[in-house]
Amino acid sequence: MADSDTASIQVIELGADNTLTLPAEMAQVLGPGSRIVVMKQGDTLVLKRIDILSHLDRVAATPDSAPLTLEEMNEIVHAVRHQYAEDE
């Protein structure tokens, strides 16, 4: 297992103003300005870096073709249902 894959456990303290200061090596993994989602699982908090797409990234990721019409979607649904009915 590579060093970056090994678990690292350190104790940190919740400040009076509800802030946590991450150890430097953990903060470096995330990088400055990183967005982090906090998940509560029982008495455990899990921190995970998330990548938020910018508005420009979202526009660039949209398909170039026109979206399917309702009629086209219905045709696909009926074809799949017909195929499943034949398989049974």
Protein backbone atom coordinates (compact mmCIF):
# COMPACT_ATOMS: atom_id res chain seq x y z
CA MET A 1 0.00 0.00 0.00
CA ALA A 2 1.38 3.43 -0.93
CA ASP A 3 2.03 6.03 1.78
CA SER A 4 -0.91 8.10 0.52
CA ASP A 5 -3.22 5.11 1.09
CA THR A 6 -2.22 4.48 4.71
CA ALA A 7 -4.53 5.57 7.50
CA SER A 8 -3.51 8.49 9.64
CA ILE A 9 -5.16 9.15 12.98
CA GLN A 10 -4.60 12.29 14.99
CA VAL A 11 -6.53 13.93 17.82
CA ILE A 12 -7.70 17.51 17.31
CA GLU A 13 -9.81 19.76 19.50
CA LEU A 14 -13.04 21.59 18.75
CA GLY A 15 -12.47 25.27 19.43
CA ALA A 16 -14.80 27.48 21.48
CA ASP A 17 -15.97 29.07 18.22
CA ASN A 18 -16.84 25.61 16.75
CA THR A 19 -13.76 25.47 14.52
CA LEU A 20 -11.47 22.54 13.85
CA THR A 21 -7.87 22.98 12.77
CA LEU A 22 -6.64 20.12 10.63
CA PRO A 23 -3.07 18.88 11.00
CA ALA A 24 -0.87 20.33 8.23
CA GLU A 25 -0.34 17.04 6.38
CA MET A 26 -4.10 16.42 6.25
CA ALA A 27 -4.81 19.97 5.10
CA GLN A 28 -2.21 19.55 2.33
CA VAL A 29 -4.07 16.49 1.02
CA LEU A 30 -7.25 18.55 0.69
CA GLY A 31 -5.61 21.69 -0.66
CA PRO A 32 -6.49 25.31 0.04
CA GLY A 33 -10.03 26.36 -0.84
CA SER A 34 -11.29 22.77 -0.94
CA ARG A 35 -15.01 22.22 -0.39
CA ILE A 36 -15.66 19.55 2.21
CA VAL A 37 -18.88 17.69 2.97
CA VAL A 38 -19.40 16.63 6.60
CA MET A 39 -21.40 13.45 7.18
CA LYS A 40 -22.65 12.29 10.58
CA GLN A 41 -22.79 8.53 11.14
CA GLY A 42 -23.82 7.82 14.71
CA ASP A 43 -21.23 9.51 16.90
CA THR A 44 -18.75 9.71 14.00
CA LEU A 45 -18.13 12.62 11.64
CA VAL A 46 -16.70 11.90 8.20
CA LEU A 47 -15.04 14.66 6.18
CA LYS A 48 -14.81 14.24 2.40
CA ARG A 49 -13.50 16.63 -0.21
CA ILE A 50 -16.01 17.32 -2.95
CA ASP A 51 -15.49 18.85 -6.36
CA ILE A 52 -18.14 21.41 -7.22
CA LEU A 53 -18.54 22.13 -10.92
CA SER A 54 -18.49 25.77 -11.84
CA HIS A 55 -21.30 27.17 -13.98
CA LEU A 56 -18.95 27.15 -16.98
CA ASP A 57 -18.04 23.50 -16.36
CA ARG A 58 -21.73 22.59 -16.25
CA VAL A 59 -22.42 24.37 -19.54
CA ALA A 60 -19.41 22.70 -21.14
CA ALA A 61 -20.62 19.29 -19.93
CA THR A 62 -24.08 19.59 -21.51
CA PRO A 63 -24.58 17.46 -24.61
CA ASP A 64 -24.42 19.14 -28.00
CA SER A 65 -27.48 17.30 -29.29
CA ALA A 66 -31.06 18.30 -28.62
CA PRO A 67 -32.74 16.52 -25.70
CA LEU A 68 -35.12 13.65 -26.36
CA THR A 69 -38.75 14.55 -26.88
CA LEU A 70 -41.44 13.01 -24.68
CA GLU A 71 -42.51 10.89 -27.64
CA GLU A 72 -38.96 9.55 -28.09
CA MET A 73 -38.70 8.76 -24.36
CA ASN A 74 -42.06 6.96 -24.45
CA GLU A 75 -40.91 4.87 -27.43
CA ILE A 76 -37.77 3.84 -25.55
CA VAL A 77 -39.75 2.95 -22.41
CA HIS A 78 -42.24 0.87 -24.42
CA ALA A 79 -39.43 -0.93 -26.27
CA VAL A 80 -37.68 -1.83 -23.01
CA ARG A 81 -40.94 -2.98 -21.40
CA HIS A 82 -41.69 -5.10 -24.47
CA GLN A 83 -38.22 -6.65 -24.30
CA TYR A 84 -38.63 -7.49 -20.59
CA ALA A 85 -42.07 -9.00 -21.28
CA GLU A 86 -40.56 -11.27 -23.95
CA ASP A 87 -37.77 -12.39 -21.59
CA GLU A 88 -40.24 -13.57 -18.92
